Amino acid sequence: MAVLKITDHRVTVELDWWEKLVARRSHLTVPRRAIESVEVVEDASDAAGEGRRVSATRVRGLTYTGTVSAEDGSRSSSFLVCHGRGPGIVLQLRNVTLDRIVISTPAAHSYAAQLGGVAA
């Protein structure tokens, strides 16, 4: 399961080996200043929504992992690591190549507390 490594300057999504395979990428790091908002959600898979898979693997009800772009023509993109149904965290980003990160994790409240809701 993906974990967030949070420092004063950056947030890294660390992936398990199999998540790297299905996401077709390695760990993802963003500057902490790029985080516009943090939201804890009851179901990360619902928060992930639908999208055109750019570099992602989706098995309904099991996993939705990788990078997707919106189908509405807005050109927004998301990095998703959502497994099954359960709580998660959504990081809205600004001034980076992705618009948001959605991770399913039982530690969502802890991560949100570490990030202080909205990054400075």
N, C-alpha and C. Protein backbone atom coordinates (compact mmCIF):
# COMPACT_ATOMS: atom_id res chain seq x y z
N MET A 1 0.83 -1.17 0.00
CA MET A 1 0.00 0.00 0.00
C MET A 1 0.88 1.24 0.00
N ALA A 2 0.50 2.22 -0.79
CA ALA A 2 1.26 3.46 -0.88
C ALA A 2 1.25 4.18 0.46
N VAL A 3 2.36 4.83 0.75
CA VAL A 3 2.47 5.65 1.96
C VAL A 3 2.98 7.04 1.57
N LEU A 4 2.61 8.02 2.36
CA LEU A 4 3.10 9.38 2.16
C LEU A 4 4.26 9.63 3.11
N LYS A 5 5.36 10.10 2.58
CA LYS A 5 6.50 10.54 3.37
C LYS A 5 6.48 12.07 3.32
N ILE A 6 6.26 12.68 4.47
CA ILE A 6 6.05 14.12 4.53
C ILE A 6 7.23 14.77 5.26
N THR A 7 7.87 15.74 4.59
CA THR A 7 8.93 16.52 5.22
C THR A 7 8.49 17.99 5.18
N ASP A 8 9.34 18.87 5.68
CA ASP A 8 9.03 20.30 5.67
C ASP A 8 8.92 20.85 4.25
N HIS A 9 9.59 20.22 3.29
CA HIS A 9 9.67 20.78 1.95
C HIS A 9 9.01 19.97 0.85
N ARG A 10 8.73 18.69 1.12
CA ARG A 10 8.16 17.87 0.05
C ARG A 10 7.29 16.75 0.61
N VAL A 11 6.45 16.23 -0.30
CA VAL A 11 5.61 15.08 0.01
C VAL A 11 5.91 14.03 -1.07
N THR A 12 6.24 12.83 -0.63
CA THR A 12 6.54 11.75 -1.56
C THR A 12 5.54 10.64 -1.38
N VAL A 13 4.96 10.19 -2.50
CA VAL A 13 4.10 9.00 -2.50
C VAL A 13 5.02 7.83 -2.80
N GLU A 14 5.25 6.99 -1.79
CA GLU A 14 6.11 5.82 -1.97
C GLU A 14 5.24 4.62 -2.30
N LEU A 15 5.56 3.96 -3.40
CA LEU A 15 4.76 2.85 -3.91
C LEU A 15 5.42 1.51 -3.62
N ASP A 16 4.58 0.49 -3.39
CA ASP A 16 5.06 -0.88 -3.33
C ASP A 16 5.52 -1.28 -4.72
N TRP A 17 6.28 -2.37 -4.82
CA TRP A 17 6.82 -2.80 -6.11
C TRP A 17 5.71 -3.06 -7.13
N TRP A 18 4.61 -3.67 -6.70
CA TRP A 18 3.55 -4.00 -7.65
C TRP A 18 2.77 -2.74 -8.06
N GLU A 19 2.71 -1.74 -7.17
CA GLU A 19 2.06 -0.48 -7.53
C GLU A 19 2.89 0.26 -8.58
N LYS A 20 4.20 0.14 -8.50
CA LYS A 20 5.07 0.73 -9.51
C LYS A 20 4.80 0.11 -10.87
N LEU A 21 4.57 -1.20 -10.88
CA LEU A 21 4.28 -1.89 -12.14
C LEU A 21 2.97 -1.42 -12.75
N VAL A 22 1.90 -1.39 -11.97
CA VAL A 22 0.59 -1.03 -12.53
C VAL A 22 0.47 0.46 -12.79
N ALA A 23 1.21 1.29 -12.04
CA ALA A 23 1.20 2.74 -12.28
C ALA A 23 2.14 3.14 -13.41
N ARG A 24 3.04 2.24 -13.74
CA ARG A 24 4.06 2.49 -14.76
C ARG A 24 4.93 3.68 -14.42
N ARG A 25 5.27 3.79 -13.13
CA ARG A 25 6.15 4.86 -12.66
C ARG A 25 6.70 4.48 -11.30
N SER A 26 7.67 5.25 -10.84
CA SER A 26 8.25 5.04 -9.52
C SER A 26 7.57 5.98 -8.54
N HIS A 27 8.22 6.24 -7.44
CA HIS A 27 7.67 7.15 -6.44
C HIS A 27 7.38 8.52 -7.06
N LEU A 28 6.44 9.26 -6.45
CA LEU A 28 6.08 10.60 -6.92
C LEU A 28 6.37 11.59 -5.80
N THR A 29 7.11 12.64 -6.10
CA THR A 29 7.43 13.68 -5.13
C THR A 29 6.96 15.03 -5.65
N VAL A 30 6.28 15.78 -4.76
CA VAL A 30 5.85 17.14 -5.10
C VAL A 30 6.32 18.07 -3.99
N PRO A 31 6.61 19.31 -4.33
CA PRO A 31 6.97 20.28 -3.29
C PRO A 31 5.76 20.52 -2.39
N ARG A 32 6.00 20.66 -1.13
CA ARG A 32 4.90 20.88 -0.19
C ARG A 32 4.17 22.19 -0.49
N ARG A 33 4.88 23.18 -0.99
CA ARG A 33 4.25 24.46 -1.32
C ARG A 33 3.25 24.33 -2.47
N ALA A 34 3.32 23.22 -3.23
CA ALA A 34 2.39 23.01 -4.35
C ALA A 34 1.03 22.49 -3.89
N ILE A 35 0.91 22.10 -2.63
CA ILE A 35 -0.35 21.56 -2.13
C ILE A 35 -1.27 22.72 -1.77
N GLU A 36 -2.36 22.79 -2.49
CA GLU A 36 -3.33 23.87 -2.31
C GLU A 36 -4.34 23.53 -1.22
N SER A 37 -4.77 22.27 -1.19
CA SER A 37 -5.71 21.84 -0.16
C SER A 37 -5.58 20.35 0.09
N VAL A 38 -6.06 19.93 1.26
CA VAL A 38 -6.02 18.54 1.67
C VAL A 38 -7.42 18.16 2.13
N GLU A 39 -7.91 17.02 1.63
CA GLU A 39 -9.25 16.57 2.01
C GLU A 39 -9.21 15.09 2.34
N VAL A 40 -9.81 14.71 3.47
CA VAL A 40 -9.97 13.31 3.82
C VAL A 40 -11.33 12.88 3.28
N VAL A 41 -11.37 11.74 2.58
CA VAL A 41 -12.61 11.24 1.99
C VAL A 41 -12.93 9.85 2.53
N GLU A 42 -14.23 9.53 2.55
CA GLU A 42 -14.66 8.22 3.04
C GLU A 42 -14.31 7.09 2.09
N ASP A 43 -14.35 7.40 0.78
CA ASP A 43 -14.06 6.38 -0.23
C ASP A 43 -13.16 6.98 -1.31
N ALA A 44 -11.90 6.62 -1.27
CA ALA A 44 -10.93 7.16 -2.22
C ALA A 44 -11.26 6.77 -3.66
N SER A 45 -11.82 5.58 -3.86
CA SER A 45 -12.16 5.14 -5.22
C SER A 45 -13.24 6.03 -5.82
N ASP A 46 -14.22 6.44 -5.01
CA ASP A 46 -15.24 7.37 -5.50
C ASP A 46 -14.62 8.72 -5.80
N ALA A 47 -13.71 9.17 -4.95
CA ALA A 47 -13.05 10.46 -5.16
C ALA A 47 -12.19 10.45 -6.42
N ALA A 48 -11.67 9.29 -6.78
CA ALA A 48 -10.83 9.18 -7.98
C ALA A 48 -11.64 9.51 -9.22
N GLY A 49 -12.90 9.11 -9.24
CA GLY A 49 -13.75 9.38 -10.39
C GLY A 49 -13.33 8.62 -11.62
N GLU A 50 -13.82 9.09 -12.73
CA GLU A 50 -13.50 8.49 -14.03
C GLU A 50 -12.49 9.36 -14.75
N GLY A 51 -11.80 8.80 -15.68
CA GLY A 51 -10.85 9.57 -16.46
C GLY A 51 -10.25 8.73 -17.56
N ARG A 52 -9.58 9.39 -18.47
CA ARG A 52 -8.89 8.70 -19.54
C ARG A 52 -7.53 8.27 -19.02
N ARG A 53 -7.29 6.99 -19.06
CA ARG A 53 -6.03 6.46 -18.54
C ARG A 53 -4.86 6.89 -19.41
N VAL A 54 -3.94 7.59 -18.83
CA VAL A 54 -2.73 7.98 -19.53
C VAL A 54 -1.68 6.91 -19.29
N SER A 55 -1.48 6.60 -18.04
CA SER A 55 -0.52 5.57 -17.65
C SER A 55 -1.04 4.96 -16.35
N ALA A 56 -2.11 4.19 -16.47
CA ALA A 56 -2.77 3.67 -15.27
C ALA A 56 -3.35 2.30 -15.54
N THR A 57 -3.61 1.59 -14.44
CA THR A 57 -4.25 0.28 -14.51
C THR A 57 -5.50 0.35 -13.64
N ARG A 58 -6.61 -0.12 -14.19
CA ARG A 58 -7.85 -0.15 -13.42
C ARG A 58 -8.48 -1.53 -13.49
N VAL A 59 -8.72 -2.09 -12.32
CA VAL A 59 -9.47 -3.32 -12.18
C VAL A 59 -10.60 -2.97 -11.21
N ARG A 60 -11.81 -2.83 -11.74
CA ARG A 60 -12.95 -2.36 -10.93
C ARG A 60 -13.07 -3.11 -9.62
N GLY A 61 -13.21 -2.32 -8.54
CA GLY A 61 -13.37 -2.88 -7.21
C GLY A 61 -12.08 -3.36 -6.57
N LEU A 62 -10.99 -3.37 -7.33
CA LEU A 62 -9.72 -3.86 -6.80
C LEU A 62 -8.67 -2.75 -6.72
N THR A 63 -8.37 -2.14 -7.86
CA THR A 63 -7.36 -1.08 -7.87
C THR A 63 -7.58 -0.11 -9.03
N TYR A 64 -7.20 1.11 -8.80
CA TYR A 64 -7.15 2.14 -9.84
C TYR A 64 -5.87 2.90 -9.53
N THR A 65 -4.80 2.59 -10.24
CA THR A 65 -3.48 3.09 -9.91
C THR A 65 -2.78 3.64 -11.15
N GLY A 66 -2.30 4.88 -11.05
CA GLY A 66 -1.56 5.49 -12.14
C GLY A 66 -2.02 6.91 -12.40
N THR A 67 -1.71 7.40 -13.59
CA THR A 67 -2.04 8.77 -13.98
C THR A 67 -3.20 8.76 -14.96
N VAL A 68 -4.19 9.60 -14.68
CA VAL A 68 -5.36 9.73 -15.56
C VAL A 68 -5.59 11.20 -15.85
N SER A 69 -6.23 11.47 -16.99
CA SER A 69 -6.60 12.84 -17.32
C SER A 69 -8.12 12.91 -17.41
N ALA A 70 -8.65 14.08 -17.15
CA ALA A 70 -10.10 14.27 -17.15
C ALA A 70 -10.65 14.09 -18.56
N GLU A 71 -11.87 13.55 -18.62
CA GLU A 71 -12.51 13.34 -19.92
C GLU A 71 -13.30 14.56 -20.37
N ASP A 72 -13.39 15.58 -19.50
CA ASP A 72 -14.22 16.75 -19.81
C ASP A 72 -13.49 17.80 -20.64
N GLY A 73 -12.28 17.52 -21.07
CA GLY A 73 -11.52 18.46 -21.88
C GLY A 73 -10.79 19.53 -21.09
N SER A 74 -10.83 19.44 -19.76
CA SER A 74 -10.20 20.46 -18.92
C SER A 74 -8.68 20.31 -18.84
N ARG A 75 -8.17 19.19 -19.31
CA ARG A 75 -6.74 18.89 -19.27
C ARG A 75 -6.21 18.67 -17.86
N SER A 76 -7.09 18.52 -16.87
CA SER A 76 -6.61 18.25 -15.52
C SER A 76 -6.18 16.79 -15.44
N SER A 77 -5.18 16.54 -14.61
CA SER A 77 -4.69 15.18 -14.47
C SER A 77 -4.53 14.83 -12.99
N SER A 78 -4.66 13.54 -12.71
CA SER A 78 -4.60 13.04 -11.35
C SER A 78 -3.68 11.84 -11.28
N PHE A 79 -3.00 11.71 -10.14
CA PHE A 79 -2.25 10.51 -9.85
C PHE A 79 -3.04 9.77 -8.79
N LEU A 80 -3.41 8.53 -9.08
CA LEU A 80 -4.28 7.74 -8.21
C LEU A 80 -3.58 6.49 -7.71
N VAL A 81 -3.80 6.19 -6.44
CA VAL A 81 -3.40 4.90 -5.88
C VAL A 81 -4.55 4.51 -4.96
N CYS A 82 -5.58 3.90 -5.56
CA CYS A 82 -6.81 3.57 -4.84
C CYS A 82 -7.05 2.07 -4.93
N HIS A 83 -7.16 1.44 -3.78
CA HIS A 83 -7.37 0.00 -3.71
C HIS A 83 -8.67 -0.29 -2.97
N GLY A 84 -9.57 -1.00 -3.61
CA GLY A 84 -10.84 -1.37 -2.98
C GLY A 84 -11.64 -0.16 -2.57
N ARG A 85 -12.41 -0.33 -1.53
CA ARG A 85 -13.23 0.75 -0.99
C ARG A 85 -12.71 1.09 0.40
N GLY A 86 -12.59 2.35 0.70
CA GLY A 86 -12.14 2.74 2.03
C GLY A 86 -11.67 4.17 2.04
N PRO A 87 -11.25 4.64 3.21
CA PRO A 87 -10.87 6.05 3.36
C PRO A 87 -9.63 6.41 2.55
N GLY A 88 -9.51 7.70 2.33
CA GLY A 88 -8.35 8.16 1.58
C GLY A 88 -8.13 9.64 1.76
N ILE A 89 -7.15 10.14 1.04
CA ILE A 89 -6.79 11.55 1.10
C ILE A 89 -6.66 12.09 -0.32
N VAL A 90 -7.12 13.32 -0.51
CA VAL A 90 -7.03 14.00 -1.80
C VAL A 90 -6.19 15.26 -1.60
N LEU A 91 -5.12 15.36 -2.37
CA LEU A 91 -4.26 16.54 -2.33
C LEU A 91 -4.50 17.33 -3.62
N GLN A 92 -5.02 18.53 -3.50
CA GLN A 92 -5.19 19.41 -4.66
C GLN A 92 -3.88 20.16 -4.83
N LEU A 93 -3.37 20.20 -6.06
CA LEU A 93 -2.05 20.79 -6.33
C LEU A 93 -2.17 22.00 -7.23
N ARG A 94 -1.15 22.84 -7.20
CA ARG A 94 -1.07 23.99 -8.11
C ARG A 94 0.37 24.16 -8.57
N ASN A 95 0.51 24.63 -9.79
CA ASN A 95 1.83 24.94 -10.36
C ASN A 95 2.75 23.73 -10.50
N VAL A 96 2.18 22.54 -10.69
CA VAL A 96 2.95 21.34 -11.00
C VAL A 96 2.23 20.62 -12.14
N THR A 97 2.81 19.57 -12.66
CA THR A 97 2.23 18.89 -13.83
C THR A 97 0.94 18.14 -13.51
N LEU A 98 0.70 17.81 -12.25
CA LEU A 98 -0.54 17.13 -11.84
C LEU A 98 -1.44 18.11 -11.12
N ASP A 99 -2.75 17.85 -11.18
CA ASP A 99 -3.70 18.70 -10.49
C ASP A 99 -4.12 18.14 -9.13
N ARG A 100 -4.00 16.83 -8.98
CA ARG A 100 -4.34 16.24 -7.69
C ARG A 100 -3.75 14.86 -7.54
N ILE A 101 -3.66 14.43 -6.28
CA ILE A 101 -3.22 13.10 -5.91
C ILE A 101 -4.31 12.51 -5.04
N VAL A 102 -4.72 11.28 -5.36
CA VAL A 102 -5.74 10.59 -4.56
C VAL A 102 -5.15 9.26 -4.11
N ILE A 103 -5.08 9.06 -2.79
CA ILE A 103 -4.49 7.85 -2.22
C ILE A 103 -5.49 7.22 -1.27
N SER A 104 -5.71 5.92 -1.39
CA SER A 104 -6.52 5.22 -0.39
C SER A 104 -5.60 4.79 0.74
N THR A 105 -6.00 5.14 1.96
CA THR A 105 -5.17 4.81 3.12
C THR A 105 -5.97 4.96 4.40
N PRO A 106 -5.81 4.02 5.33
CA PRO A 106 -6.45 4.19 6.62
C PRO A 106 -5.79 5.29 7.46
N ALA A 107 -4.62 5.77 7.04
CA ALA A 107 -3.90 6.83 7.75
C ALA A 107 -4.24 8.23 7.22
N ALA A 108 -5.33 8.37 6.50
CA ALA A 108 -5.70 9.64 5.87
C ALA A 108 -5.78 10.79 6.88
N HIS A 109 -6.42 10.55 8.02
CA HIS A 109 -6.54 11.62 9.02
C HIS A 109 -5.18 12.02 9.57
N SER A 110 -4.31 11.06 9.78
CA SER A 110 -2.97 11.34 10.27
C SER A 110 -2.18 12.18 9.27
N TYR A 111 -2.25 11.80 8.00
CA TYR A 111 -1.56 12.56 6.95
C TYR A 111 -2.10 13.99 6.86
N ALA A 112 -3.43 14.12 6.92
CA ALA A 112 -4.04 15.45 6.84
C ALA A 112 -3.58 16.31 8.01
N ALA A 113 -3.48 15.73 9.20
CA ALA A 113 -3.01 16.48 10.37
C ALA A 113 -1.56 16.92 10.18
N GLN A 114 -0.72 16.04 9.62
CA GLN A 114 0.68 16.38 9.38
C GLN A 114 0.81 17.51 8.37
N LEU A 115 -0.11 17.52 7.39
CA LEU A 115 -0.06 18.55 6.35
C LEU A 115 -0.78 19.83 6.78
N GLY A 116 -1.48 19.77 7.89
CA GLY A 116 -2.12 20.96 8.42
C GLY A 116 -3.31 21.43 7.61
N GLY A 117 -3.97 20.54 6.89
CA GLY A 117 -5.14 20.93 6.10
C GLY A 117 -4.76 21.60 4.80
N VAL A 118 -4.11 22.75 4.87
CA VAL A 118 -3.66 23.47 3.68
C VAL A 118 -2.20 23.83 3.89
N ALA A 119 -1.38 23.49 2.93
CA ALA A 119 0.06 23.76 3.04
C ALA A 119 0.32 25.26 2.98
N ALA A 120 1.38 25.68 3.61
CA ALA A 120 1.76 27.09 3.60
C ALA A 120 2.44 27.47 2.31
